[in-house]
Every structure is written in structure tokens, then in C-alpha cells.
């Protein structure tokens, strides 16, 4: 599984949770969880870039 696929999955889950939370279906999920999901997508992207740079050395 490539890093870009992992980022897409994390962002997709975040978007679904955000929309369902907005409709009140998942209103019990705190906003911190959404931030953690977004930060994990960003950190996965940074990790993928660093890993790609190290592979090319």
C-alpha cells in the first residue's frame, strides 16, 4: 500500500466523520479526534516525502 493511498484513506475517513458529526449523527465524537485524524494525514504525507527522498540517495 502506497503512502498516497494511506493519506487518501485517512482524509476520507476524516471527511465522513466531519460530515456525519455536522448532521448530528456522530455528535459525541470530540473535535480533537478530527484534529488528530488531520494531523495523522499530514504526518503520513511528510513521512512519505522523507522516505522517498531517502530512497533516492
N, C-alpha and C. Protein backbone atom coordinates (compact mmCIF):
# COMPACT_ATOMS: atom_id res chain seq x y z
N UNK A 1 0.85 -1.17 0.00
CA UNK A 1 0.00 0.00 0.00
C UNK A 1 0.90 1.24 0.00
N UNK A 2 0.65 2.11 -0.92
CA UNK A 2 1.47 3.30 -1.04
C UNK A 2 1.03 4.36 -0.04
N UNK A 3 1.94 5.26 0.25
CA UNK A 3 1.68 6.32 1.22
C UNK A 3 0.51 7.19 0.78
N UNK A 4 0.41 7.47 -0.51
CA UNK A 4 -0.67 8.33 -1.01
C UNK A 4 -2.03 7.68 -0.77
N UNK A 5 -2.10 6.37 -0.83
CA UNK A 5 -3.34 5.67 -0.56
C UNK A 5 -3.72 5.78 0.92
N UNK A 6 -2.72 5.69 1.79
CA UNK A 6 -2.97 5.82 3.23
C UNK A 6 -3.47 7.23 3.54
N UNK A 7 -2.86 8.24 2.92
CA UNK A 7 -3.30 9.61 3.13
C UNK A 7 -4.75 9.78 2.66
N UNK A 8 -5.07 9.22 1.50
CA UNK A 8 -6.43 9.30 0.99
C UNK A 8 -7.45 8.63 1.89
N UNK A 9 -7.08 7.50 2.44
CA UNK A 9 -7.99 6.79 3.35
C UNK A 9 -8.22 7.60 4.62
N UNK A 10 -7.14 8.14 5.19
CA UNK A 10 -7.27 8.93 6.42
C UNK A 10 -8.12 10.17 6.16
N UNK A 11 -7.85 10.87 5.05
CA UNK A 11 -8.63 12.06 4.74
C UNK A 11 -10.09 11.72 4.43
N UNK A 12 -10.33 10.58 3.78
CA UNK A 12 -11.70 10.15 3.51
C UNK A 12 -12.47 9.85 4.79
N UNK A 13 -11.84 9.15 5.71
CA UNK A 13 -12.48 8.85 7.00
C UNK A 13 -12.75 10.14 7.76
N UNK A 14 -11.79 11.07 7.72
CA UNK A 14 -11.97 12.35 8.39
C UNK A 14 -13.15 13.11 7.81
N UNK A 15 -13.26 13.12 6.50
CA UNK A 15 -14.36 13.84 5.84
C UNK A 15 -15.71 13.22 6.19
N UNK A 16 -15.78 11.91 6.19
CA UNK A 16 -17.04 11.23 6.52
C UNK A 16 -17.44 11.52 7.97
N UNK A 17 -16.47 11.43 8.89
CA UNK A 17 -16.77 11.71 10.29
C UNK A 17 -17.18 13.16 10.47
N UNK A 18 -16.52 14.07 9.76
CA UNK A 18 -16.84 15.50 9.87
C UNK A 18 -18.26 15.79 9.40
N UNK A 19 -18.64 15.18 8.26
CA UNK A 19 -19.99 15.39 7.73
C UNK A 19 -21.04 14.77 8.65
N UNK A 20 -20.81 13.55 9.10
CA UNK A 20 -21.77 12.90 9.99
C UNK A 20 -21.87 13.63 11.34
N UNK A 21 -20.76 14.19 11.78
CA UNK A 21 -20.79 14.98 13.02
C UNK A 21 -21.59 16.26 12.80
N UNK A 22 -21.48 16.85 11.63
CA UNK A 22 -22.24 18.05 11.31
C UNK A 22 -23.73 17.80 11.27
N UNK A 23 -24.13 16.62 10.79
CA UNK A 23 -25.54 16.26 10.77
C UNK A 23 -26.06 15.83 12.13
N UNK A 24 -25.19 15.66 13.10
CA UNK A 24 -25.59 15.28 14.45
C UNK A 24 -25.62 13.80 14.69
N UNK A 25 -25.23 13.01 13.70
CA UNK A 25 -25.25 11.55 13.87
C UNK A 25 -24.10 11.10 14.76
N UNK A 26 -22.94 11.69 14.55
CA UNK A 26 -21.77 11.36 15.37
C UNK A 26 -21.37 12.56 16.23
N UNK A 27 -22.33 13.17 16.85
CA UNK A 27 -22.05 14.38 17.62
C UNK A 27 -21.28 14.10 18.90
N UNK A 28 -21.20 12.85 19.32
CA UNK A 28 -20.49 12.50 20.54
C UNK A 28 -18.98 12.47 20.34
N UNK A 29 -18.51 12.51 19.08
CA UNK A 29 -17.08 12.49 18.82
C UNK A 29 -16.52 13.91 19.01
N UNK A 30 -15.52 14.06 19.87
CA UNK A 30 -14.97 15.40 20.12
C UNK A 30 -14.18 15.92 18.92
N UNK A 31 -14.06 17.23 18.85
CA UNK A 31 -13.33 17.86 17.75
C UNK A 31 -11.86 17.50 17.74
N UNK A 32 -11.32 17.13 18.89
CA UNK A 32 -9.92 16.72 18.96
C UNK A 32 -9.62 15.49 18.12
N UNK A 33 -10.58 14.61 17.99
CA UNK A 33 -10.41 13.41 17.15
C UNK A 33 -10.24 13.82 15.69
N UNK A 34 -11.03 14.79 15.26
CA UNK A 34 -10.88 15.27 13.88
C UNK A 34 -9.50 15.88 13.66
N UNK A 35 -9.03 16.65 14.63
CA UNK A 35 -7.69 17.23 14.52
C UNK A 35 -6.62 16.14 14.48
N UNK A 36 -6.79 15.11 15.29
CA UNK A 36 -5.83 14.01 15.27
C UNK A 36 -5.80 13.30 13.92
N UNK A 37 -6.97 13.11 13.31
CA UNK A 37 -7.02 12.49 12.00
C UNK A 37 -6.34 13.36 10.94
N UNK A 38 -6.59 14.67 10.99
CA UNK A 38 -5.95 15.57 10.04
C UNK A 38 -4.44 15.62 10.25
N UNK A 39 -4.01 15.66 11.50
CA UNK A 39 -2.57 15.67 11.79
C UNK A 39 -1.91 14.36 11.38
N UNK A 40 -2.62 13.24 11.55
CA UNK A 40 -2.04 11.96 11.13
C UNK A 40 -1.91 11.90 9.61
N UNK A 41 -2.85 12.49 8.88
CA UNK A 41 -2.72 12.53 7.42
C UNK A 41 -1.53 13.39 7.02
N UNK A 42 -1.36 14.53 7.68
CA UNK A 42 -0.23 15.41 7.37
C UNK A 42 1.10 14.75 7.72
N UNK A 43 1.16 14.11 8.87
CA UNK A 43 2.41 13.46 9.26
C UNK A 43 2.72 12.26 8.37
N UNK A 44 1.70 11.56 7.92
CA UNK A 44 1.93 10.47 6.97
C UNK A 44 2.48 10.99 5.66
N UNK A 45 1.97 12.13 5.21
CA UNK A 45 2.48 12.75 3.99
C UNK A 45 3.93 13.18 4.13
N UNK A 46 4.27 13.78 5.26
CA UNK A 46 5.65 14.19 5.50
C UNK A 46 6.55 12.97 5.56
N UNK A 47 6.10 11.92 6.24
CA UNK A 47 6.87 10.68 6.31
C UNK A 47 7.10 10.10 4.92
N UNK A 48 6.07 10.15 4.07
CA UNK A 48 6.21 9.63 2.71
C UNK A 48 7.21 10.42 1.89
N UNK A 49 7.22 11.74 2.05
CA UNK A 49 8.18 12.57 1.33
C UNK A 49 9.60 12.27 1.80
N UNK A 50 9.79 12.17 3.11
CA UNK A 50 11.12 11.88 3.65
C UNK A 50 11.58 10.50 3.21
N UNK A 51 10.69 9.54 3.24
CA UNK A 51 11.03 8.18 2.84
C UNK A 51 11.42 8.15 1.36
N UNK A 52 10.72 8.89 0.53
CA UNK A 52 11.03 8.95 -0.89
C UNK A 52 12.39 9.59 -1.13
N UNK A 53 12.69 10.66 -0.40
CA UNK A 53 13.99 11.32 -0.52
C UNK A 53 15.13 10.41 -0.11
N UNK A 54 14.91 9.65 0.97
CA UNK A 54 15.96 8.75 1.46
C UNK A 54 16.17 7.57 0.51
N UNK A 55 15.11 7.16 -0.15
CA UNK A 55 15.22 6.05 -1.10
C UNK A 55 16.05 6.44 -2.32
N UNK A 56 16.00 7.72 -2.69
CA UNK A 56 16.72 8.16 -3.87
C UNK A 56 18.20 8.39 -3.63
N UNK A 57 18.64 8.37 -2.36
CA UNK A 57 20.06 8.59 -2.06
C UNK A 57 20.91 7.41 -2.41
